[in-house]
Amino acid sequence: MFEVYPDVQIGPVADLAITRPVAEVTSQDVDRTLEVLRKRRTTYSTVERAAQPGDRVHVDFTGTIDGVRIPRRPGARFSDRARRRTHAA
């Protein structure tokens, strides 16, 4: 299979007007971008303490239905960030 390119005729470009877009960058834009970059570059270390809000946690558990263990899928692991626990009143 091959491609067929159309014949393109370019007219005079000296008379074309080009409008250059102007972008405004606010301090909020900079802060938001810096936060995204921080999150992408985050590294984690293993610690010997209880999880705190913002920590990344790996949870390993055994599921059961009516007391019967659910077979584990190879490589199945749950990972999430620890959040502040809230209790309903």
PDB file of N, CA and C in Angstrom:
ATOM      1  N   MET A   1       0.847  -1.176   0.000  1.00  0.00           N
ATOM      2  CA  MET A   1       0.000   0.000   0.000  1.00  0.00           C
ATOM      3  C   MET A   1       0.895   1.243   0.000  1.00  0.00           C
ATOM      4  N   PHE A   2       0.489   2.269  -0.683  1.00  0.00           N
ATOM      5  CA  PHE A   2       1.276   3.488  -0.742  1.00  0.00           C
ATOM      6  C   PHE A   2       0.352   4.691  -0.581  1.00  0.00           C
ATOM      7  N   GLU A   3       0.940   5.819  -0.258  1.00  0.00           N
ATOM      8  CA  GLU A   3       0.165   7.039  -0.060  1.00  0.00           C
ATOM      9  C   GLU A   3       0.309   7.944  -1.271  1.00  0.00           C
ATOM     10  N   VAL A   4      -0.762   8.633  -1.588  1.00  0.00           N
ATOM     11  CA  VAL A   4      -0.743   9.605  -2.671  1.00  0.00           C
ATOM     12  C   VAL A   4      -0.922  10.975  -2.037  1.00  0.00           C
ATOM     13  N   TYR A   5       0.045  11.840  -2.260  1.00  0.00           N
ATOM     14  CA  TYR A   5      -0.024  13.174  -1.676  1.00  0.00           C
ATOM     15  C   TYR A   5      -0.664  14.137  -2.662  1.00  0.00           C
ATOM     16  N   PRO A   6      -1.490  15.063  -2.155  1.00  0.00           N
ATOM     17  CA  PRO A   6      -2.129  16.028  -3.060  1.00  0.00           C
ATOM     18  C   PRO A   6      -1.116  17.083  -3.514  1.00  0.00           C
ATOM     19  N   ASP A   7      -1.384  17.677  -4.658  1.00  0.00           N
ATOM     20  CA  ASP A   7      -0.580  18.805  -5.115  1.00  0.00           C
ATOM     21  C   ASP A   7      -1.057  20.037  -4.342  1.00  0.00           C
ATOM     22  N   VAL A   8      -0.142  20.704  -3.701  1.00  0.00           N
ATOM     23  CA  VAL A   8      -0.486  21.871  -2.895  1.00  0.00           C
ATOM     24  C   VAL A   8       0.148  23.099  -3.534  1.00  0.00           C
ATOM     25  N   GLN A   9      -0.670  24.101  -3.754  1.00  0.00           N
ATOM     26  CA  GLN A   9      -0.191  25.356  -4.320  1.00  0.00           C
ATOM     27  C   GLN A   9      -0.182  26.396  -3.198  1.00  0.00           C
ATOM     28  N   ILE A  10       0.991  26.906  -2.873  1.00  0.00           N
ATOM     29  CA  ILE A  10       1.111  27.931  -1.830  1.00  0.00           C
ATOM     30  C   ILE A  10       1.178  29.282  -2.518  1.00  0.00           C
ATOM     31  N   GLY A  11       0.234  30.130  -2.134  1.00  0.00           N
ATOM     32  CA  GLY A  11       0.182  31.469  -2.720  1.00  0.00           C
ATOM     33  C   GLY A  11       1.185  32.393  -2.041  1.00  0.00           C
ATOM     34  N   PRO A  12       1.125  33.667  -2.355  1.00  0.00           N
ATOM     35  CA  PRO A  12       2.058  34.622  -1.763  1.00  0.00           C
ATOM     36  C   PRO A  12       1.809  34.740  -0.253  1.00  0.00           C
ATOM     37  N   VAL A  13       2.859  34.637   0.529  1.00  0.00           N
ATOM     38  CA  VAL A  13       2.724  34.691   1.986  1.00  0.00           C
ATOM     39  C   VAL A  13       3.058  36.072   2.541  1.00  0.00           C
ATOM     40  N   ALA A  14       3.577  36.983   1.713  1.00  0.00           N
ATOM     41  CA  ALA A  14       3.962  38.316   2.181  1.00  0.00           C
ATOM     42  C   ALA A  14       2.756  39.103   2.675  1.00  0.00           C
ATOM     43  N   ASP A  15       1.577  38.826   2.157  1.00  0.00           N
ATOM     44  CA  ASP A  15       0.385  39.590   2.531  1.00  0.00           C
ATOM     45  C   ASP A  15      -0.385  38.977   3.707  1.00  0.00           C
ATOM     46  N   LEU A  16       0.077  37.851   4.225  1.00  0.00           N
ATOM     47  CA  LEU A  16      -0.629  37.210   5.333  1.00  0.00           C
ATOM     48  C   LEU A  16      -0.332  37.927   6.642  1.00  0.00           C
ATOM     49  N   ALA A  17      -1.357  38.057   7.459  1.00  0.00           N
ATOM     50  CA  ALA A  17      -1.199  38.654   8.792  1.00  0.00           C
ATOM     51  C   ALA A  17      -1.259  37.536   9.816  1.00  0.00           C
ATOM     52  N   ILE A  18      -0.299  37.528  10.704  1.00  0.00           N
ATOM     53  CA  ILE A  18      -0.247  36.493  11.740  1.00  0.00           C
ATOM     54  C   ILE A  18      -0.451  37.154  13.091  1.00  0.00           C
ATOM     55  N   THR A  19      -1.388  36.625  13.844  1.00  0.00           N
ATOM     56  CA  THR A  19      -1.655  37.136  15.181  1.00  0.00           C
ATOM     57  C   THR A  19      -0.996  36.212  16.185  1.00  0.00           C
ATOM     58  N   ARG A  20      -0.102  36.758  16.959  1.00  0.00           N
ATOM     59  CA  ARG A  20       0.599  35.965  17.966  1.00  0.00           C
ATOM     60  C   ARG A  20      -0.251  35.921  19.240  1.00  0.00           C
ATOM     61  N   PRO A  21      -0.602  34.714  19.689  1.00  0.00           N
ATOM     62  CA  PRO A  21      -1.407  34.618  20.916  1.00  0.00           C
ATOM     63  C   PRO A  21      -0.566  35.011  22.136  1.00  0.00           C
ATOM     64  N   VAL A  22      -1.237  35.615  23.090  1.00  0.00           N
ATOM     65  CA  VAL A  22      -0.574  36.021  24.326  1.00  0.00           C
ATOM     66  C   VAL A  22      -1.189  35.209  25.461  1.00  0.00           C
ATOM     67  N   ALA A  23      -0.348  34.525  26.197  1.00  0.00           N
ATOM     68  CA  ALA A  23      -0.821  33.717  27.321  1.00  0.00           C
ATOM     69  C   ALA A  23      -0.424  34.402  28.624  1.00  0.00           C
ATOM     70  N   GLU A  24      -1.380  34.476  29.527  1.00  0.00           N
ATOM     71  CA  GLU A  24      -1.085  35.023  30.840  1.00  0.00           C
ATOM     72  C   GLU A  24      -0.896  33.863  31.808  1.00  0.00           C
ATOM     73  N   VAL A  25       0.176  33.900  32.553  1.00  0.00           N
ATOM     74  CA  VAL A  25       0.460  32.867  33.544  1.00  0.00           C
ATOM     75  C   VAL A  25       0.361  33.524  34.911  1.00  0.00           C
ATOM     76  N   THR A  26      -0.586  33.040  35.704  1.00  0.00           N
ATOM     77  CA  THR A  26      -0.785  33.604  37.039  1.00  0.00           C
ATOM     78  C   THR A  26       0.048  32.837  38.060  1.00  0.00           C
ATOM     79  N   SER A  27       0.170  33.387  39.244  1.00  0.00           N
ATOM     80  CA  SER A  27       0.901  32.687  40.302  1.00  0.00           C
ATOM     81  C   SER A  27       0.185  31.393  40.678  1.00  0.00           C
ATOM     82  N   GLN A  28      -1.145  31.359  40.520  1.00  0.00           N
ATOM     83  CA  GLN A  28      -1.895  30.125  40.788  1.00  0.00           C
ATOM     84  C   GLN A  28      -1.536  29.050  39.763  1.00  0.00           C
ATOM     85  N   ASP A  29      -1.334  29.437  38.509  1.00  0.00           N
ATOM     86  CA  ASP A  29      -0.913  28.489  37.472  1.00  0.00           C
ATOM     87  C   ASP A  29       0.448  27.896  37.818  1.00  0.00           C
ATOM     88  N   VAL A  30       1.361  28.742  38.251  1.00  0.00           N
ATOM     89  CA  VAL A  30       2.700  28.287  38.624  1.00  0.00           C
ATOM     90  C   VAL A  30       2.619  27.346  39.817  1.00  0.00           C
ATOM     91  N   ASP A  31       1.848  27.719  40.849  1.00  0.00           N
ATOM     92  CA  ASP A  31       1.711  26.870  42.034  1.00  0.00           C
ATOM     93  C   ASP A  31       1.122  25.509  41.689  1.00  0.00           C
ATOM     94  N   ARG A  32       0.100  25.506  40.832  1.00  0.00           N
ATOM     95  CA  ARG A  32      -0.546  24.245  40.440  1.00  0.00           C
ATOM     96  C   ARG A  32       0.438  23.353  39.675  1.00  0.00           C
ATOM     97  N   THR A  33       1.210  23.946  38.775  1.00  0.00           N
ATOM     98  CA  THR A  33       2.189  23.182  38.003  1.00  0.00           C
ATOM     99  C   THR A  33       3.290  22.639  38.902  1.00  0.00           C
ATOM    100  N   LEU A  34       3.770  23.446  39.838  1.00  0.00           N
ATOM    101  CA  LEU A  34       4.789  22.972  40.779  1.00  0.00           C
ATOM    102  C   LEU A  34       4.272  21.812  41.619  1.00  0.00           C
ATOM    103  N   GLU A  35       3.024  21.874  42.031  1.00  0.00           N
ATOM    104  CA  GLU A  35       2.443  20.786  42.832  1.00  0.00           C
ATOM    105  C   GLU A  35       2.364  19.498  42.013  1.00  0.00           C
ATOM    106  N   VAL A  36       1.987  19.604  40.744  1.00  0.00           N
ATOM    107  CA  VAL A  36       1.945  18.426  39.864  1.00  0.00           C
ATOM    108  C   VAL A  36       3.336  17.822  39.735  1.00  0.00           C
ATOM    109  N   LEU A  37       4.345  18.666  39.531  1.00  0.00           N
ATOM    110  CA  LEU A  37       5.717  18.174  39.405  1.00  0.00           C
ATOM    111  C   LEU A  37       6.196  17.520  40.702  1.00  0.00           C
ATOM    112  N   ARG A  38       5.848  18.104  41.846  1.00  0.00           N
ATOM    113  CA  ARG A  38       6.225  17.498  43.141  1.00  0.00           C
ATOM    114  C   ARG A  38       5.628  16.105  43.286  1.00  0.00           C
ATOM    115  N   LYS A  39       4.351  15.976  42.923  1.00  0.00           N
ATOM    116  CA  LYS A  39       3.687  14.675  43.050  1.00  0.00           C
ATOM    117  C   LYS A  39       4.313  13.639  42.129  1.00  0.00           C
ATOM    118  N   ARG A  40       4.722  14.046  40.920  1.00  0.00           N
ATOM    119  CA  ARG A  40       5.353  13.115  39.979  1.00  0.00           C
ATOM    120  C   ARG A  40       6.711  12.648  40.476  1.00  0.00           C
ATOM    121  N   ARG A  41       7.420  13.496  41.193  1.00  0.00           N
ATOM    122  CA  ARG A  41       8.778  13.186  41.642  1.00  0.00           C
ATOM    123  C   ARG A  41       8.829  12.630  43.063  1.00  0.00           C
ATOM    124  N   THR A  42       7.682  12.352  43.650  1.00  0.00           N
ATOM    125  CA  THR A  42       7.632  11.857  45.022  1.00  0.00           C
ATOM    126  C   THR A  42       8.316  10.502  45.138  1.00  0.00           C
ATOM    127  N   THR A  43       9.116  10.346  46.169  1.00  0.00           N
ATOM    128  CA  THR A  43       9.711   9.052  46.473  1.00  0.00           C
ATOM    129  C   THR A  43       9.240   8.639  47.864  1.00  0.00           C
ATOM    130  N   TYR A  44       9.193   7.353  48.105  1.00  0.00           N
ATOM    131  CA  TYR A  44       8.716   6.825  49.384  1.00  0.00           C
ATOM    132  C   TYR A  44       9.782   5.948  50.007  1.00  0.00           C
ATOM    133  N   SER A  45       9.793   5.935  51.335  1.00  0.00           N
ATOM    134  CA  SER A  45      10.701   5.081  52.096  1.00  0.00           C
ATOM    135  C   SER A  45       9.885   4.249  53.065  1.00  0.00           C
ATOM    136  N   THR A  46      10.351   3.046  53.350  1.00  0.00           N
ATOM    137  CA  THR A  46       9.692   2.199  54.327  1.00  0.00           C
ATOM    138  C   THR A  46       9.952   2.759  55.719  1.00  0.00           C
ATOM    139  N   VAL A  47       8.909   2.837  56.538  1.00  0.00           N
ATOM    140  CA  VAL A  47       9.039   3.344  57.908  1.00  0.00           C
ATOM    141  C   VAL A  47       8.426   2.335  58.868  1.00  0.00           C
ATOM    142  N   GLU A  48       8.858   2.370  60.093  1.00  0.00           N
ATOM    143  CA  GLU A  48       8.354   1.460  61.137  1.00  0.00           C
ATOM    144  C   GLU A  48       7.483   2.253  62.098  1.00  0.00           C
ATOM    145  N   ARG A  49       6.348   2.730  61.635  1.00  0.00           N
ATOM    146  CA  ARG A  49       5.378   3.450  62.458  1.00  0.00           C
ATOM    147  C   ARG A  49       4.017   3.295  61.795  1.00  0.00           C
ATOM    148  N   ALA A  50       2.977   3.720  62.495  1.00  0.00           N
ATOM    149  CA  ALA A  50       1.627   3.662  61.929  1.00  0.00           C
ATOM    150  C   ALA A  50       1.517   4.643  60.766  1.00  0.00           C
ATOM    151  N   ALA A  51       0.690   4.315  59.791  1.00  0.00           N
ATOM    152  CA  ALA A  51       0.485   5.187  58.634  1.00  0.00           C
ATOM    153  C   ALA A  51      -0.128   6.510  59.077  1.00  0.00           C
ATOM    154  N   GLN A  52       0.298   7.574  58.420  1.00  0.00           N
ATOM    155  CA  GLN A  52      -0.216   8.908  58.693  1.00  0.00           C
ATOM    156  C   GLN A  52      -0.791   9.469  57.402  1.00  0.00           C
ATOM    157  N   PRO A  53      -1.674  10.489  57.501  1.00  0.00           N
ATOM    158  CA  PRO A  53      -2.226  11.076  56.274  1.00  0.00           C
ATOM    159  C   PRO A  53      -1.113  11.501  55.325  1.00  0.00           C
ATOM    160  N   GLY A  54      -1.259  11.118  54.053  1.00  0.00           N
ATOM    161  CA  GLY A  54      -0.263  11.439  53.041  1.00  0.00           C
ATOM    162  C   GLY A  54       0.722  10.318  52.778  1.00  0.00           C
ATOM    163  N   ASP A  55       0.826   9.330  53.698  1.00  0.00           N
ATOM    164  CA  ASP A  55       1.709   8.183  53.488  1.00  0.00           C
ATOM    165  C   ASP A  55       1.137   7.294  52.388  1.00  0.00           C
ATOM    166  N   ARG A  56       2.003   6.601  51.677  1.00  0.00           N
ATOM    167  CA  ARG A  56       1.565   5.584  50.717  1.00  0.00           C
ATOM    168  C   ARG A  56       1.602   4.260  51.455  1.00  0.00           C
ATOM    169  N   VAL A  57       0.519   3.517  51.363  1.00  0.00           N
ATOM    170  CA  VAL A  57       0.426   2.256  52.088  1.00  0.00           C
ATOM    171  C   VAL A  57       0.175   1.112  51.110  1.00  0.00           C
ATOM    172  N   HIS A  58       0.740  -0.048  51.412  1.00  0.00           N
ATOM    173  CA  HIS A  58       0.475  -1.280  50.673  1.00  0.00           C
ATOM    174  C   HIS A  58      -0.288  -2.194  51.623  1.00  0.00           C
ATOM    175  N   VAL A  59      -1.425  -2.671  51.163  1.00  0.00           N
ATOM    176  CA  VAL A  59      -2.281  -3.503  51.991  1.00  0.00           C
ATOM    177  C   VAL A  59      -2.289  -4.910  51.414  1.00  0.00           C
ATOM    178  N   ASP A  60      -1.980  -5.885  52.244  1.00  0.00           N
ATOM    179  CA  ASP A  60      -2.011  -7.279  51.842  1.00  0.00           C
ATOM    180  C   ASP A  60      -3.093  -7.938  52.700  1.00  0.00           C
ATOM    181  N   PHE A  61      -4.091  -8.524  52.084  1.00  0.00           N
ATOM    182  CA  PHE A  61      -5.189  -9.095  52.851  1.00  0.00           C
ATOM    183  C   PHE A  61      -5.686 -10.377  52.204  1.00  0.00           C
ATOM    184  N   THR A  62      -6.426 -11.152  52.981  1.00  0.00           N
ATOM    185  CA  THR A  62      -7.045 -12.377  52.502  1.00  0.00           C
ATOM    186  C   THR A  62      -8.552 -12.172  52.525  1.00  0.00           C
ATOM    187  N   GLY A  63      -9.188 -12.327  51.367  1.00  0.00           N
ATOM    188  CA  GLY A  63     -10.634 -12.173  51.288  1.00  0.00           C
ATOM    189  C   GLY A  63     -11.338 -13.510  51.482  1.00  0.00           C
ATOM    190  N   THR A  64     -12.492 -13.459  52.113  1.00  0.00           N
ATOM    191  CA  THR A  64     -13.296 -14.667  52.301  1.00  0.00           C
ATOM    192  C   THR A  64     -14.754 -14.368  51.984  1.00  0.00           C
ATOM    193  N   ILE A  65     -15.457 -15.390  51.537  1.00  0.00           N
ATOM    194  CA  ILE A  65     -16.901 -15.323  51.352  1.00  0.00           C
ATOM    195  C   ILE A  65     -17.490 -16.491  52.129  1.00  0.00           C
ATOM    196  N   ASP A  66     -18.328 -16.177  53.105  1.00  0.00           N
ATOM    197  CA  ASP A  66     -18.933 -17.197  53.976  1.00  0.00           C
ATOM    198  C   ASP A  66     -17.859 -18.099  54.574  1.00  0.00           C
ATOM    199  N   GLY A  67     -16.737 -17.505  54.969  1.00  0.00           N
ATOM    200  CA  GLY A  67     -15.667 -18.258  55.608  1.00  0.00           C
ATOM    201  C   GLY A  67     -14.750 -19.008  54.669  1.00  0.00           C
ATOM    202  N   VAL A  68     -15.016 -18.964  53.364  1.00  0.00           N
ATOM    203  CA  VAL A  68     -14.188 -19.664  52.386  1.00  0.00           C
ATOM    204  C   VAL A  68     -13.224 -18.653  51.760  1.00  0.00           C
ATOM    205  N   ARG A  69     -11.949 -18.989  51.810  1.00  0.00           N
ATOM    206  CA  ARG A  69     -10.927 -18.087  51.294  1.00  0.00           C
ATOM    207  C   ARG A  69     -11.049 -17.929  49.773  1.00  0.00           C
ATOM    208  N   ILE A  70     -10.959 -16.686  49.317  1.00  0.00           N
ATOM    209  CA  ILE A  70     -10.996 -16.386  47.890  1.00  0.00           C
ATOM    210  C   ILE A  70      -9.576 -16.558  47.364  1.00  0.00           C
ATOM    211  N   PRO A  71      -9.395 -17.317  46.272  1.00  0.00           N
ATOM    212  CA  PRO A  71      -8.042 -17.509  45.739  1.00  0.00           C
ATOM    213  C   PRO A  71      -7.399 -16.169  45.369  1.00  0.00           C
ATOM    214  N   ARG A  72      -6.139 -16.054  45.670  1.00  0.00           N
ATOM    215  CA  ARG A  72      -5.400 -14.829  45.392  1.00  0.00           C
ATOM    216  C   ARG A  72      -4.900 -14.850  43.951  1.00  0.00           C
ATOM    217  N   ARG A  73      -5.053 -13.712  43.291  1.00  0.00           N
ATOM    218  CA  ARG A  73      -4.503 -13.572  41.944  1.00  0.00           C
ATOM    219  C   ARG A  73      -3.016 -13.276  42.068  1.00  0.00           C
ATOM    220  N   PRO A  74      -2.185 -13.845  41.231  1.00  0.00           N
ATOM    221  CA  PRO A  74      -0.752 -13.557  41.288  1.00  0.00           C
ATOM    222  C   PRO A  74      -0.487 -12.065  41.080  1.00  0.00           C
ATOM    223  N   GLY A  75       0.308 -11.491  41.950  1.00  0.00           N
ATOM    224  CA  GLY A  75       0.677 -10.087  41.828  1.00  0.00           C
ATOM    225  C   GLY A  75      -0.383  -9.117  42.296  1.00  0.00           C
ATOM    226  N   ALA A  76      -1.494  -9.620  42.841  1.00  0.00           N
ATOM    227  CA  ALA A  76      -2.547  -8.719  43.301  1.00  0.00           C
ATOM    228  C   ALA A  76      -2.088  -8.027  44.576  1.00  0.00           C
ATOM    229  N   ARG A  77      -2.127  -6.721  44.558  1.00  0.00           N
ATOM    230  CA  ARG A  77      -1.716  -5.936  45.713  1.00  0.00           C
ATOM    231  C   ARG A  77      -2.474  -4.627  45.661  1.00  0.00           C
ATOM    232  N   PHE A  78      -2.918  -4.159  46.808  1.00  0.00           N
ATOM    233  CA  PHE A  78      -3.669  -2.917  46.883  1.00  0.00           C
ATOM    234  C   PHE A  78      -2.741  -1.838  47.398  1.00  0.00           C
ATOM    235  N   SER A  79      -2.716  -0.700  46.715  1.00  0.00           N
ATOM    236  CA  SER A  79      -1.844   0.388  47.105  1.00  0.00           C
ATOM    237  C   SER A  79      -2.639   1.682  47.069  1.00  0.00           C
ATOM    238  N   ASP A  80      -2.485   2.513  48.090  1.00  0.00           N
ATOM    239  CA  ASP A  80      -3.224   3.765  48.142  1.00  0.00           C
ATOM    240  C   ASP A  80      -2.501   4.722  49.061  1.00  0.00           C
ATOM    241  N   ARG A  81      -2.980   5.941  49.113  1.00  0.00           N
ATOM    242  CA  ARG A  81      -2.433   6.928  50.038  1.00  0.00           C
ATOM    243  C   ARG A  81      -3.284   6.941  51.286  1.00  0.00           C
ATOM    244  N   ALA A  82      -2.637   7.019  52.441  1.00  0.00           N
ATOM    245  CA  ALA A  82      -3.372   7.073  53.705  1.00  0.00           C
ATOM    246  C   ALA A  82      -4.095   8.405  53.785  1.00  0.00           C
ATOM    247  N   ARG A  83      -5.310   8.374  54.263  1.00  0.00           N
ATOM    248  CA  ARG A  83      -6.103   9.591  54.414  1.00  0.00           C
ATOM    249  C   ARG A  83      -6.546   9.718  55.859  1.00  0.00           C
ATOM    250  N   ARG A  84      -6.974  10.908  56.210  1.00  0.00           N
ATOM    251  CA  ARG A  84      -7.474  11.121  57.563  1.00  0.00           C
ATOM    252  C   ARG A  84      -8.763  10.331  57.718  1.00  0.00           C
ATOM    253  N   ARG A  85      -8.865   9.599  58.804  1.00  0.00           N
ATOM    254  CA  ARG A  85     -10.058   8.805  59.064  1.00  0.00           C
ATOM    255  C   ARG A  85     -11.167   9.725  59.571  1.00  0.00           C
ATOM    256  N   THR A  86     -12.357   9.575  59.016  1.00  0.00           N
ATOM    257  CA  THR A  86     -13.507  10.352  59.479  1.00  0.00           C
ATOM    258  C   THR A  86     -14.558   9.390  59.978  1.00  0.00           C
ATOM    259  N   HIS A  87     -15.239   9.781  61.023  1.00  0.00           N
ATOM    260  CA  HIS A  87     -16.285   8.941  61.612  1.00  0.00           C
ATOM    261  C   HIS A  87     -17.618   9.638  61.466  1.00  0.00           C
ATOM    262  N   ALA A  88     -18.632   8.893  61.046  1.00  0.00           N
ATOM    263  CA  ALA A  88     -19.981   9.458  60.982  1.00  0.00           C
ATOM    264  C   ALA A  88     -20.530   9.560  62.399  1.00  0.00           C
ATOM    265  N   ALA A  89     -21.203  10.630  62.673  1.00  0.00           N
ATOM    266  CA  ALA A  89     -21.759  10.840  64.020  1.00  0.00           C
ATOM    267  C   ALA A  89     -23.046  10.097  64.205  1.00  0.00           C
TER     268      ALA A  89
END
